[in-house]
Amino acid sequence: MFGKKESEKDVADRLRSLKQARPVEFSTLQKEALAKARETDREAYRRAVYKIGMVMTHGGDEARCVVRDISDTGAKIVLEGGLALPAEFRLLIDGYRAPADATLKWQKKNEAGVSLA
């Protein structure tokens, strides 16, 4: 793979085997367990997105961010730079409603989970 030259035949054989592989399917019980786990983990289902956003603190600081998932009640954002978020701020998301009041739930380095009002 990496650092090793593969012949065209090796590549063709590998592609052929990938095409012939059967898809892995979850059993009905696994699907139900996953759905139940999602319901209990969060108040609302979050969908994956890739939206540009802007964090605006009440002190006037601004930072760009990327919104990675969103629901009616919250979002996960990835901050540009190392801004330590305050407990409350405004979040503007491209293509979504007007700036929302946001409450910080957790922050690990440049990632944060927020609830939206």
PDB file of N, CA and C in Angstrom:
ATOM      1  N   MET A   1       0.828  -1.184   0.000  1.00  0.00           N
ATOM      2  CA  MET A   1       0.000   0.000   0.000  1.00  0.00           C
ATOM      3  C   MET A   1       0.872   1.247   0.000  1.00  0.00           C
ATOM      4  N   PHE A   2       1.058   1.866   1.179  1.00  0.00           N
ATOM      5  CA  PHE A   2       1.832   3.095   1.244  1.00  0.00           C
ATOM      6  C   PHE A   2       3.313   2.769   1.165  1.00  0.00           C
ATOM      7  N   GLY A   3       4.015   3.488   0.298  1.00  0.00           N
ATOM      8  CA  GLY A   3       5.451   3.288   0.159  1.00  0.00           C
ATOM      9  C   GLY A   3       5.819   2.082  -0.675  1.00  0.00           C
ATOM     10  N   LYS A   4       4.832   1.305  -1.134  1.00  0.00           N
ATOM     11  CA  LYS A   4       5.098   0.102  -1.900  1.00  0.00           C
ATOM     12  C   LYS A   4       4.465   0.264  -3.277  1.00  0.00           C
ATOM     13  N   LYS A   5       5.232   0.034  -4.309  1.00  0.00           N
ATOM     14  CA  LYS A   5       4.715   0.111  -5.676  1.00  0.00           C
ATOM     15  C   LYS A   5       3.888  -1.145  -5.952  1.00  0.00           C
ATOM     16  N   GLU A   6       2.671  -0.921  -6.434  1.00  0.00           N
ATOM     17  CA  GLU A   6       1.835  -2.054  -6.802  1.00  0.00           C
ATOM     18  C   GLU A   6       1.744  -2.130  -8.315  1.00  0.00           C
ATOM     19  N   SER A   7       1.712  -3.340  -8.797  1.00  0.00           N
ATOM     20  CA  SER A   7       1.579  -3.499 -10.239  1.00  0.00           C
ATOM     21  C   SER A   7       0.129  -3.224 -10.630  1.00  0.00           C
ATOM     22  N   GLU A   8      -0.066  -2.976 -11.907  1.00  0.00           N
ATOM     23  CA  GLU A   8      -1.424  -2.729 -12.393  1.00  0.00           C
ATOM     24  C   GLU A   8      -2.310  -3.945 -12.142  1.00  0.00           C
ATOM     25  N   LYS A   9      -1.724  -5.144 -12.246  1.00  0.00           N
ATOM     26  CA  LYS A   9      -2.488  -6.368 -12.006  1.00  0.00           C
ATOM     27  C   LYS A   9      -2.946  -6.431 -10.548  1.00  0.00           C
ATOM     28  N   ASP A  10      -2.062  -6.083  -9.601  1.00  0.00           N
ATOM     29  CA  ASP A  10      -2.433  -6.090  -8.180  1.00  0.00           C
ATOM     30  C   ASP A  10      -3.584  -5.125  -7.913  1.00  0.00           C
ATOM     31  N   VAL A  11      -3.496  -3.945  -8.492  1.00  0.00           N
ATOM     32  CA  VAL A  11      -4.543  -2.942  -8.309  1.00  0.00           C
ATOM     33  C   VAL A  11      -5.851  -3.438  -8.909  1.00  0.00           C
ATOM     34  N   ALA A  12      -5.792  -3.991 -10.116  1.00  0.00           N
ATOM     35  CA  ALA A  12      -6.991  -4.507 -10.778  1.00  0.00           C
ATOM     36  C   ALA A  12      -7.604  -5.639  -9.965  1.00  0.00           C
ATOM     37  N   ASP A  13      -6.772  -6.539  -9.422  1.00  0.00           N
ATOM     38  CA  ASP A  13      -7.277  -7.646  -8.601  1.00  0.00           C
ATOM     39  C   ASP A  13      -7.962  -7.125  -7.340  1.00  0.00           C
ATOM     40  N   ARG A  14      -7.354  -6.125  -6.718  1.00  0.00           N
ATOM     41  CA  ARG A  14      -7.932  -5.567  -5.494  1.00  0.00           C
ATOM     42  C   ARG A  14      -9.266  -4.881  -5.789  1.00  0.00           C
ATOM     43  N   LEU A  15      -9.343  -4.124  -6.876  1.00  0.00           N
ATOM     44  CA  LEU A  15     -10.595  -3.465  -7.260  1.00  0.00           C
ATOM     45  C   LEU A  15     -11.675  -4.491  -7.586  1.00  0.00           C
ATOM     46  N   ARG A  16     -11.305  -5.559  -8.274  1.00  0.00           N
ATOM     47  CA  ARG A  16     -12.256  -6.607  -8.609  1.00  0.00           C
ATOM     48  C   ARG A  16     -12.813  -7.256  -7.338  1.00  0.00           C
ATOM     49  N   SER A  17     -11.944  -7.515  -6.372  1.00  0.00           N
ATOM     50  CA  SER A  17     -12.413  -8.149  -5.133  1.00  0.00           C
ATOM     51  C   SER A  17     -13.330  -7.210  -4.346  1.00  0.00           C
ATOM     52  N   LEU A  18     -13.062  -5.909  -4.383  1.00  0.00           N
ATOM     53  CA  LEU A  18     -13.948  -4.950  -3.713  1.00  0.00           C
ATOM     54  C   LEU A  18     -15.320  -4.904  -4.374  1.00  0.00           C
ATOM     55  N   LYS A  19     -15.349  -4.972  -5.707  1.00  0.00           N
ATOM     56  CA  LYS A  19     -16.617  -4.953  -6.433  1.00  0.00           C
ATOM     57  C   LYS A  19     -17.444  -6.196  -6.135  1.00  0.00           C
ATOM     58  N   GLN A  20     -16.778  -7.327  -5.923  1.00  0.00           N
ATOM     59  CA  GLN A  20     -17.478  -8.587  -5.717  1.00  0.00           C
ATOM     60  C   GLN A  20     -17.866  -8.825  -4.256  1.00  0.00           C
ATOM     61  N   ALA A  21     -17.330  -8.031  -3.359  1.00  0.00           N
ATOM     62  CA  ALA A  21     -17.624  -8.218  -1.932  1.00  0.00           C
ATOM     63  C   ALA A  21     -19.087  -7.926  -1.649  1.00  0.00           C
ATOM     64  N   ARG A  22     -19.669  -8.726  -0.782  1.00  0.00           N
ATOM     65  CA  ARG A  22     -21.058  -8.512  -0.399  1.00  0.00           C
ATOM     66  C   ARG A  22     -21.131  -7.410   0.646  1.00  0.00           C
ATOM     67  N   PRO A  23     -22.164  -6.559   0.559  1.00  0.00           N
ATOM     68  CA  PRO A  23     -22.307  -5.516   1.582  1.00  0.00           C
ATOM     69  C   PRO A  23     -22.659  -6.142   2.929  1.00  0.00           C
ATOM     70  N   VAL A  24     -22.154  -5.541   3.973  1.00  0.00           N
ATOM     71  CA  VAL A  24     -22.465  -5.998   5.326  1.00  0.00           C
ATOM     72  C   VAL A  24     -23.762  -5.331   5.751  1.00  0.00           C
ATOM     73  N   GLU A  25     -24.674  -6.113   6.261  1.00  0.00           N
ATOM     74  CA  GLU A  25     -25.951  -5.564   6.695  1.00  0.00           C
ATOM     75  C   GLU A  25     -26.129  -5.799   8.188  1.00  0.00           C
ATOM     76  N   PHE A  26     -26.709  -4.801   8.851  1.00  0.00           N
ATOM     77  CA  PHE A  26     -27.037  -4.955  10.256  1.00  0.00           C
ATOM     78  C   PHE A  26     -28.283  -5.822  10.379  1.00  0.00           C
ATOM     79  N   SER A  27     -28.323  -6.626  11.406  1.00  0.00           N
ATOM     80  CA  SER A  27     -29.542  -7.392  11.663  1.00  0.00           C
ATOM     81  C   SER A  27     -30.611  -6.438  12.193  1.00  0.00           C
ATOM     82  N   THR A  28     -31.833  -6.884  12.193  1.00  0.00           N
ATOM     83  CA  THR A  28     -32.946  -6.074  12.688  1.00  0.00           C
ATOM     84  C   THR A  28     -32.707  -5.680  14.145  1.00  0.00           C
ATOM     85  N   LEU A  29     -32.197  -6.606  14.947  1.00  0.00           N
ATOM     86  CA  LEU A  29     -31.929  -6.308  16.364  1.00  0.00           C
ATOM     87  C   LEU A  29     -30.850  -5.245  16.502  1.00  0.00           C
ATOM     88  N   GLN A  30     -29.808  -5.309  15.674  1.00  0.00           N
ATOM     89  CA  GLN A  30     -28.751  -4.299  15.727  1.00  0.00           C
ATOM     90  C   GLN A  30     -29.295  -2.935  15.333  1.00  0.00           C
ATOM     91  N   LYS A  31     -30.146  -2.886  14.299  1.00  0.00           N
ATOM     92  CA  LYS A  31     -30.742  -1.623  13.876  1.00  0.00           C
ATOM     93  C   LYS A  31     -31.600  -1.033  14.987  1.00  0.00           C
ATOM     94  N   GLU A  32     -32.404  -1.867  15.644  1.00  0.00           N
ATOM     95  CA  GLU A  32     -33.256  -1.384  16.741  1.00  0.00           C
ATOM     96  C   GLU A  32     -32.415  -0.882  17.909  1.00  0.00           C
ATOM     97  N   ALA A  33     -31.330  -1.585  18.219  1.00  0.00           N
ATOM     98  CA  ALA A  33     -30.454  -1.163  19.320  1.00  0.00           C
ATOM     99  C   ALA A  33     -29.784   0.171  19.011  1.00  0.00           C
ATOM    100  N   LEU A  34     -29.347   0.350  17.761  1.00  0.00           N
ATOM    101  CA  LEU A  34     -28.734   1.622  17.375  1.00  0.00           C
ATOM    102  C   LEU A  34     -29.741   2.766  17.459  1.00  0.00           C
ATOM    103  N   ALA A  35     -30.955   2.527  16.992  1.00  0.00           N
ATOM    104  CA  ALA A  35     -31.989   3.564  17.038  1.00  0.00           C
ATOM    105  C   ALA A  35     -32.321   3.926  18.481  1.00  0.00           C
ATOM    106  N   LYS A  36     -32.424   2.940  19.350  1.00  0.00           N
ATOM    107  CA  LYS A  36     -32.734   3.194  20.761  1.00  0.00           C
ATOM    108  C   LYS A  36     -31.599   3.966  21.428  1.00  0.00           C
ATOM    109  N   ALA A  37     -30.346   3.629  21.112  1.00  0.00           N
ATOM    110  CA  ALA A  37     -29.198   4.336  21.682  1.00  0.00           C
ATOM    111  C   ALA A  37     -29.206   5.798  21.250  1.00  0.00           C
ATOM    112  N   ARG A  38     -29.528   6.062  19.995  1.00  0.00           N
ATOM    113  CA  ARG A  38     -29.588   7.447  19.517  1.00  0.00           C
ATOM    114  C   ARG A  38     -30.666   8.228  20.252  1.00  0.00           C
ATOM    115  N   GLU A  39     -31.818   7.597  20.485  1.00  0.00           N
ATOM    116  CA  GLU A  39     -32.921   8.279  21.166  1.00  0.00           C
ATOM    117  C   GLU A  39     -32.550   8.654  22.592  1.00  0.00           C
ATOM    118  N   THR A  40     -31.856   7.768  23.293  1.00  0.00           N
ATOM    119  CA  THR A  40     -31.535   8.024  24.694  1.00  0.00           C
ATOM    120  C   THR A  40     -30.356   8.972  24.871  1.00  0.00           C
ATOM    121  N   ASP A  41     -29.484   9.070  23.877  1.00  0.00           N
ATOM    122  CA  ASP A  41     -28.301   9.923  23.994  1.00  0.00           C
ATOM    123  C   ASP A  41     -28.617  11.410  23.916  1.00  0.00           C
ATOM    124  N   ARG A  42     -29.614  11.778  23.128  1.00  0.00           N
ATOM    125  CA  ARG A  42     -29.885  13.190  22.896  1.00  0.00           C
ATOM    126  C   ARG A  42     -31.373  13.453  22.925  1.00  0.00           C
ATOM    127  N   GLU A  43     -31.694  14.721  23.228  1.00  0.00           N
ATOM    128  CA  GLU A  43     -33.089  15.139  23.212  1.00  0.00           C
ATOM    129  C   GLU A  43     -33.668  15.078  21.805  1.00  0.00           C
ATOM    130  N   ALA A  44     -32.881  15.452  20.800  1.00  0.00           N
ATOM    131  CA  ALA A  44     -33.354  15.491  19.423  1.00  0.00           C
ATOM    132  C   ALA A  44     -32.306  14.869  18.509  1.00  0.00           C
ATOM    133  N   TYR A  45     -32.756  14.260  17.429  1.00  0.00           N
ATOM    134  CA  TYR A  45     -31.851  13.639  16.472  1.00  0.00           C
ATOM    135  C   TYR A  45     -31.016  14.709  15.776  1.00  0.00           C
ATOM    136  N   ARG A  46     -29.711  14.499  15.722  1.00  0.00           N
ATOM    137  CA  ARG A  46     -28.812  15.430  15.044  1.00  0.00           C
ATOM    138  C   ARG A  46     -28.447  14.868  13.681  1.00  0.00           C
ATOM    139  N   ARG A  47     -28.432  15.741  12.699  1.00  0.00           N
ATOM    140  CA  ARG A  47     -28.031  15.311  11.363  1.00  0.00           C
ATOM    141  C   ARG A  47     -26.677  15.933  11.023  1.00  0.00           C
ATOM    142  N   ALA A  48     -25.871  15.169  10.311  1.00  0.00           N
ATOM    143  CA  ALA A  48     -24.543  15.638   9.926  1.00  0.00           C
ATOM    144  C   ALA A  48     -24.672  16.735   8.877  1.00  0.00           C
ATOM    145  N   VAL A  49     -23.927  17.808   9.065  1.00  0.00           N
ATOM    146  CA  VAL A  49     -23.893  18.911   8.117  1.00  0.00           C
ATOM    147  C   VAL A  49     -22.454  19.405   8.013  1.00  0.00           C
ATOM    148  N   TYR A  50     -22.211  20.261   7.069  1.00  0.00           N
ATOM    149  CA  TYR A  50     -20.920  20.948   6.960  1.00  0.00           C
ATOM    150  C   TYR A  50     -21.262  22.379   6.565  1.00  0.00           C
ATOM    151  N   LYS A  51     -21.535  23.191   7.574  1.00  0.00           N
ATOM    152  CA  LYS A  51     -21.946  24.579   7.357  1.00  0.00           C
ATOM    153  C   LYS A  51     -20.940  25.513   8.014  1.00  0.00           C
ATOM    154  N   ILE A  52     -20.720  26.656   7.385  1.00  0.00           N
ATOM    155  CA  ILE A  52     -19.861  27.689   7.964  1.00  0.00           C
ATOM    156  C   ILE A  52     -20.686  28.478   8.967  1.00  0.00           C
ATOM    157  N   GLY A  53     -20.079  28.792  10.087  1.00  0.00           N
ATOM    158  CA  GLY A  53     -20.773  29.553  11.114  1.00  0.00           C
ATOM    159  C   GLY A  53     -19.878  30.630  11.700  1.00  0.00           C
ATOM    160  N   MET A  54     -20.488  31.447  12.554  1.00  0.00           N
ATOM    161  CA  MET A  54     -19.758  32.507  13.235  1.00  0.00           C
ATOM    162  C   MET A  54     -20.208  32.531  14.697  1.00  0.00           C
ATOM    163  N   VAL A  55     -19.245  32.444  15.601  1.00  0.00           N
ATOM    164  CA  VAL A  55     -19.502  32.580  17.028  1.00  0.00           C
ATOM    165  C   VAL A  55     -19.312  34.049  17.372  1.00  0.00           C
ATOM    166  N   MET A  56     -20.303  34.634  18.043  1.00  0.00           N
ATOM    167  CA  MET A  56     -20.222  36.041  18.453  1.00  0.00           C
ATOM    168  C   MET A  56     -20.445  36.102  19.959  1.00  0.00           C
ATOM    169  N   THR A  57     -19.394  36.464  20.698  1.00  0.00           N
ATOM    170  CA  THR A  57     -19.524  36.552  22.151  1.00  0.00           C
ATOM    171  C   THR A  57     -20.163  37.884  22.530  1.00  0.00           C
ATOM    172  N   HIS A  58     -20.703  37.934  23.739  1.00  0.00           N
ATOM    173  CA  HIS A  58     -21.324  39.168  24.207  1.00  0.00           C
ATOM    174  C   HIS A  58     -20.280  40.256  24.446  1.00  0.00           C
ATOM    175  N   GLY A  59     -19.014  39.850  24.549  1.00  0.00           N
ATOM    176  CA  GLY A  59     -17.927  40.816  24.715  1.00  0.00           C
ATOM    177  C   GLY A  59     -17.422  41.382  23.401  1.00  0.00           C
ATOM    178  N   GLY A  60     -17.988  40.930  22.282  1.00  0.00           N
ATOM    179  CA  GLY A  60     -17.600  41.461  20.981  1.00  0.00           C
ATOM    180  C   GLY A  60     -16.611  40.615  20.205  1.00  0.00           C
ATOM    181  N   ASP A  61     -16.114  39.518  20.794  1.00  0.00           N
ATOM    182  CA  ASP A  61     -15.202  38.639  20.055  1.00  0.00           C
ATOM    183  C   ASP A  61     -15.982  37.838  19.021  1.00  0.00           C
ATOM    184  N   GLU A  62     -15.338  37.557  17.904  1.00  0.00           N
ATOM    185  CA  GLU A  62     -15.943  36.747  16.854  1.00  0.00           C
ATOM    186  C   GLU A  62     -14.953  35.672  16.425  1.00  0.00           C
ATOM    187  N   ALA A  63     -15.467  34.503  16.083  1.00  0.00           N
ATOM    188  CA  ALA A  63     -14.624  33.429  15.587  1.00  0.00           C
ATOM    189  C   ALA A  63     -15.412  32.612  14.573  1.00  0.00           C
ATOM    190  N   ARG A  64     -14.743  32.265  13.470  1.00  0.00           N
ATOM    191  CA  ARG A  64     -15.396  31.410  12.489  1.00  0.00           C
ATOM    192  C   ARG A  64     -15.389  29.981  12.990  1.00  0.00           C
ATOM    193  N   CYS A  65     -16.375  29.217  12.527  1.00  0.00           N
ATOM    194  CA  CYS A  65     -16.452  27.821  12.916  1.00  0.00           C
ATOM    195  C   CYS A  65     -17.100  27.030  11.788  1.00  0.00           C
ATOM    196  N   VAL A  66     -17.021  25.723  11.912  1.00  0.00           N
ATOM    197  CA  VAL A  66     -17.722  24.811  11.019  1.00  0.00           C
ATOM    198  C   VAL A  66     -18.706  24.033  11.880  1.00  0.00           C
ATOM    199  N   VAL A  67     -19.955  24.004  11.460  1.00  0.00           N
ATOM    200  CA  VAL A  67     -20.989  23.246  12.167  1.00  0.00           C
ATOM    201  C   VAL A  67     -20.966  21.838  11.583  1.00  0.00           C
ATOM    202  N   ARG A  68     -20.719  20.827  12.432  1.00  0.00           N
ATOM    203  CA  ARG A  68     -20.565  19.442  11.967  1.00  0.00           C
ATOM    204  C   ARG A  68     -21.844  18.635  12.092  1.00  0.00           C
ATOM    205  N   ASP A  69     -22.664  18.920  13.097  1.00  0.00           N
ATOM    206  CA  ASP A  69     -23.985  18.317  13.166  1.00  0.00           C
ATOM    207  C   ASP A  69     -24.920  19.284  13.858  1.00  0.00           C
ATOM    208  N   ILE A  70     -26.222  19.114  13.610  1.00  0.00           N
ATOM    209  CA  ILE A  70     -27.192  20.071  14.139  1.00  0.00           C
ATOM    210  C   ILE A  70     -28.530  19.381  14.361  1.00  0.00           C
ATOM    211  N   SER A  71     -29.268  19.881  15.348  1.00  0.00           N
ATOM    212  CA  SER A  71     -30.635  19.438  15.599  1.00  0.00           C
ATOM    213  C   SER A  71     -31.443  20.671  15.978  1.00  0.00           C
ATOM    214  N   ASP A  72     -32.688  20.457  16.343  1.00  0.00           N
ATOM    215  CA  ASP A  72     -33.511  21.580  16.784  1.00  0.00           C
ATOM    216  C   ASP A  72     -33.021  22.147  18.117  1.00  0.00           C
ATOM    217  N   THR A  73     -32.282  21.346  18.879  1.00  0.00           N
ATOM    218  CA  THR A  73     -31.893  21.779  20.219  1.00  0.00           C
ATOM    219  C   THR A  73     -30.395  22.001  20.413  1.00  0.00           C
ATOM    220  N   GLY A  74     -29.558  21.607  19.440  1.00  0.00           N
ATOM    221  CA  GLY A  74     -28.126  21.765  19.662  1.00  0.00           C
ATOM    222  C   GLY A  74     -27.297  21.539  18.421  1.00  0.00           C
ATOM    223  N   ALA A  75     -25.972  21.662  18.600  1.00  0.00           N
ATOM    224  CA  ALA A  75     -25.044  21.496  17.488  1.00  0.00           C
ATOM    225  C   ALA A  75     -23.659  21.155  18.009  1.00  0.00           C
ATOM    226  N   LYS A  76     -22.853  20.593  17.116  1.00  0.00           N
ATOM    227  CA  LYS A  76     -21.432  20.389  17.384  1.00  0.00           C
ATOM    228  C   LYS A  76     -20.688  21.295  16.425  1.00  0.00           C
ATOM    229  N   ILE A  77     -19.785  22.115  16.967  1.00  0.00           N
ATOM    230  CA  ILE A  77     -19.027  23.038  16.138  1.00  0.00           C
ATOM    231  C   ILE A  77     -17.534  22.793  16.290  1.00  0.00           C
ATOM    232  N   VAL A  78     -16.799  23.127  15.239  1.00  0.00           N
ATOM    233  CA  VAL A  78     -15.341  23.069  15.255  1.00  0.00           C
ATOM    234  C   VAL A  78     -14.857  24.487  15.021  1.00  0.00           C
ATOM    235  N   LEU A  79     -14.148  25.030  15.997  1.00  0.00           N
ATOM    236  CA  LEU A  79     -13.708  26.427  15.955  1.00  0.00           C
ATOM    237  C   LEU A  79     -12.425  26.597  15.169  1.00  0.00           C
ATOM    238  N   GLU A  80     -12.336  27.717  14.505  1.00  0.00           N
ATOM    239  CA  GLU A  80     -11.096  28.112  13.848  1.00  0.00           C
ATOM    240  C   GLU A  80     -10.294  28.857  14.909  1.00  0.00           C
ATOM    241  N   GLY A  81      -9.123  28.382  15.221  1.00  0.00           N
ATOM    242  CA  GLY A  81      -8.333  29.014  16.277  1.00  0.00           C
ATOM    243  C   GLY A  81      -8.668  28.419  17.633  1.00  0.00           C
ATOM    244  N   GLY A  82      -8.076  28.955  18.663  1.00  0.00           N
ATOM    245  CA  GLY A  82      -8.213  28.383  19.996  1.00  0.00           C
ATOM    246  C   GLY A  82      -9.035  29.213  20.953  1.00  0.00           C
ATOM    247  N   LEU A  83     -10.140  29.769  20.500  1.00  0.00           N
ATOM    248  CA  LEU A  83     -10.986  30.583  21.357  1.00  0.00           C
ATOM    249  C   LEU A  83     -11.643  29.726  22.429  1.00  0.00           C
ATOM    250  N   ALA A  84     -11.458  30.112  23.685  1.00  0.00           N
ATOM    251  CA  ALA A  84     -12.180  29.458  24.772  1.00  0.00           C
ATOM    252  C   ALA A  84     -13.559  30.101  24.836  1.00  0.00           C
ATOM    253  N   LEU A  85     -14.585  29.301  24.605  1.00  0.00           N
ATOM    254  CA  LEU A  85     -15.933  29.847  24.524  1.00  0.00           C
ATOM    255  C   LEU A  85     -16.481  30.204  25.899  1.00  0.00           C
ATOM    256  N   PRO A  86     -17.243  31.294  25.982  1.00  0.00           N
ATOM    257  CA  PRO A  86     -17.924  31.624  27.236  1.00  0.00           C
ATOM    258  C   PRO A  86     -19.142  30.708  27.405  1.00  0.00           C
ATOM    259  N   ALA A  87     -19.772  30.783  28.545  1.00  0.00           N
ATOM    260  CA  ALA A  87     -20.932  29.939  28.827  1.00  0.00           C
ATOM    261  C   ALA A  87     -22.093  30.233  27.883  1.00  0.00           C
ATOM    262  N   GLU A  88     -22.238  31.498  27.466  1.00  0.00           N
ATOM    263  CA  GLU A  88     -23.320  31.875  26.562  1.00  0.00           C
ATOM    264  C   GLU A  88     -22.785  32.781  25.462  1.00  0.00           C
ATOM    265  N   PHE A  89     -23.298  32.606  24.240  1.00  0.00           N
ATOM    266  CA  PHE A  89     -22.884  33.405  23.099  1.00  0.00           C
ATOM    267  C   PHE A  89     -23.948  33.293  22.011  1.00  0.00           C
ATOM    268  N   ARG A  90     -23.708  33.947  20.876  1.00  0.00           N
ATOM    269  CA  ARG A  90     -24.622  33.862  19.731  1.00  0.00           C
ATOM    270  C   ARG A  90     -23.928  33.045  18.641  1.00  0.00           C
ATOM    271  N   LEU A  91     -24.706  32.255  17.918  1.00  0.00           N
ATOM    272  CA  LEU A  91     -24.165  31.438  16.843  1.00  0.00           C
ATOM    273  C   LEU A  91     -24.953  31.712  15.572  1.00  0.00           C
ATOM    274  N   LEU A  92     -24.250  32.158  14.558  1.00  0.00           N
ATOM    275  CA  LEU A  92     -24.846  32.412  13.248  1.00  0.00           C
ATOM    276  C   LEU A  92     -24.390  31.286  12.326  1.00  0.00           C
ATOM    277  N   ILE A  93     -25.352  30.607  11.675  1.00  0.00           N
ATOM    278  CA  ILE A  93     -25.050  29.483  10.796  1.00  0.00           C
ATOM    279  C   ILE A  93     -25.527  29.821   9.393  1.00  0.00           C
ATOM    280  N   ASP A  94     -24.634  29.710   8.427  1.00  0.00           N
ATOM    281  CA  ASP A  94     -24.957  30.007   7.040  1.00  0.00           C
ATOM    282  C   ASP A  94     -26.120  29.126   6.572  1.00  0.00           C
ATOM    283  N   GLY A  95     -27.162  29.768   6.070  1.00  0.00           N
ATOM    284  CA  GLY A  95     -28.304  29.040   5.541  1.00  0.00           C
ATOM    285  C   GLY A  95     -29.350  28.649   6.567  1.00  0.00           C
ATOM    286  N   TYR A  96     -29.158  29.002   7.828  1.00  0.00           N
ATOM    287  CA  TYR A  96     -30.120  28.680   8.877  1.00  0.00           C
ATOM    288  C   TYR A  96     -30.725  29.968   9.414  1.00  0.00           C
ATOM    289  N   ARG A  97     -31.568  29.797  10.400  1.00  0.00           N
ATOM    290  CA  ARG A  97     -32.279  30.937  10.984  1.00  0.00           C
ATOM    291  C   ARG A  97     -31.321  32.031  11.453  1.00  0.00           C
ATOM    292  N   ALA A  98     -31.898  33.125  11.886  1.00  0.00           N
ATOM    293  CA  ALA A  98     -31.115  34.259  12.406  1.00  0.00           C
ATOM    294  C   ALA A  98     -30.212  33.767  13.534  1.00  0.00           C
ATOM    295  N   PRO A  99     -29.241  34.584  13.949  1.00  0.00           N
ATOM    296  CA  PRO A  99     -28.339  34.138  15.021  1.00  0.00           C
ATOM    297  C   PRO A  99     -29.121  33.577  16.214  1.00  0.00           C
ATOM    298  N   ALA A 100     -28.659  32.438  16.689  1.00  0.00           N
ATOM    299  CA  ALA A 100     -29.325  31.764  17.804  1.00  0.00           C
ATOM    300  C   ALA A 100     -28.541  31.993  19.087  1.00  0.00           C
ATOM    301  N   ASP A 101     -29.254  32.081  20.199  1.00  0.00           N
ATOM    302  CA  ASP A 101     -28.594  32.097  21.495  1.00  0.00           C
ATOM    303  C   ASP A 101     -28.082  30.683  21.753  1.00  0.00           C
ATOM    304  N   ALA A 102     -26.815  30.569  22.105  1.00  0.00           N
ATOM    305  CA  ALA A 102     -26.200  29.268  22.325  1.00  0.00           C
ATOM    306  C   ALA A 102     -25.640  29.187  23.729  1.00  0.00           C
ATOM    307  N   THR A 103     -25.728  28.007  24.314  1.00  0.00           N
ATOM    308  CA  THR A 103     -25.160  27.732  25.632  1.00  0.00           C
ATOM    309  C   THR A 103     -24.128  26.623  25.476  1.00  0.00           C
ATOM    310  N   LEU A 104     -22.929  26.860  25.979  1.00  0.00           N
ATOM    311  CA  LEU A 104     -21.854  25.882  25.877  1.00  0.00           C
ATOM    312  C   LEU A 104     -22.151  24.698  26.792  1.00  0.00           C
ATOM    313  N   LYS A 105     -22.121  23.490  26.228  1.00  0.00           N
ATOM    314  CA  LYS A 105     -22.320  22.263  27.013  1.00  0.00           C
ATOM    315  C   LYS A 105     -20.989  21.591  27.307  1.00  0.00           C
ATOM    316  N   TRP A 106     -20.085  21.601  26.325  1.00  0.00           N
ATOM    317  CA  TRP A 106     -18.746  21.040  26.510  1.00  0.00           C
ATOM    318  C   TRP A 106     -17.807  21.630  25.466  1.00  0.00           C
ATOM    319  N   GLN A 107     -16.520  21.630  25.776  1.00  0.00           N
ATOM    320  CA  GLN A 107     -15.507  22.072  24.818  1.00  0.00           C
ATOM    321  C   GLN A 107     -14.235  21.277  25.044  1.00  0.00           C
ATOM    322  N   LYS A 108     -13.721  20.680  23.977  1.00  0.00           N
ATOM    323  CA  LYS A 108     -12.444  19.953  24.000  1.00  0.00           C
ATOM    324  C   LYS A 108     -11.605  20.519  22.869  1.00  0.00           C
ATOM    325  N   LYS A 109     -10.582  21.261  23.217  1.00  0.00           N
ATOM    326  CA  LYS A 109      -9.710  21.953  22.259  1.00  0.00           C
ATOM    327  C   LYS A 109     -10.546  22.826  21.347  1.00  0.00           C
ATOM    328  N   ASN A 110     -10.603  22.517  20.043  1.00  0.00           N
ATOM    329  CA  ASN A 110     -11.336  23.386  19.132  1.00  0.00           C
ATOM    330  C   ASN A 110     -12.738  22.856  18.798  1.00  0.00           C
ATOM    331  N   GLU A 111     -13.191  21.797  19.446  1.00  0.00           N
ATOM    332  CA  GLU A 111     -14.536  21.280  19.241  1.00  0.00           C
ATOM    333  C   GLU A 111     -15.422  21.634  20.426  1.00  0.00           C
ATOM    334  N   ALA A 112     -16.695  21.879  20.149  1.00  0.00           N
ATOM    335  CA  ALA A 112     -17.612  22.232  21.239  1.00  0.00           C
ATOM    336  C   ALA A 112     -19.020  21.730  20.910  1.00  0.00           C
ATOM    337  N   GLY A 113     -19.726  21.379  21.962  1.00  0.00           N
ATOM    338  CA  GLY A 113     -21.138  21.027  21.860  1.00  0.00           C
ATOM    339  C   GLY A 113     -21.944  22.147  22.480  1.00  0.00           C
ATOM    340  N   VAL A 114     -22.990  22.590  21.786  1.00  0.00           N
ATOM    341  CA  VAL A 114     -23.779  23.704  22.273  1.00  0.00           C
ATOM    342  C   VAL A 114     -25.261  23.359  22.213  1.00  0.00           C
ATOM    343  N   SER A 115     -26.015  23.956  23.106  1.00  0.00           N
ATOM    344  CA  SER A 115     -27.472  23.870  22.988  1.00  0.00           C
ATOM    345  C   SER A 115     -27.934  25.184  22.392  1.00  0.00           C
ATOM    346  N   LEU A 116     -28.979  25.122  21.575  1.00  0.00           N
ATOM    347  CA  LEU A 116     -29.488  26.302  20.879  1.00  0.00           C
ATOM    348  C   LEU A 116     -30.872  26.643  21.385  1.00  0.00           C
ATOM    349  N   ALA A 117     -31.103  27.956  21.580  1.00  0.00           N
ATOM    350  CA  ALA A 117     -32.417  28.409  22.045  1.00  0.00           C
ATOM    351  C   ALA A 117     -33.266  28.840  20.870  1.00  0.00           C
TER     352      ALA A 117
END
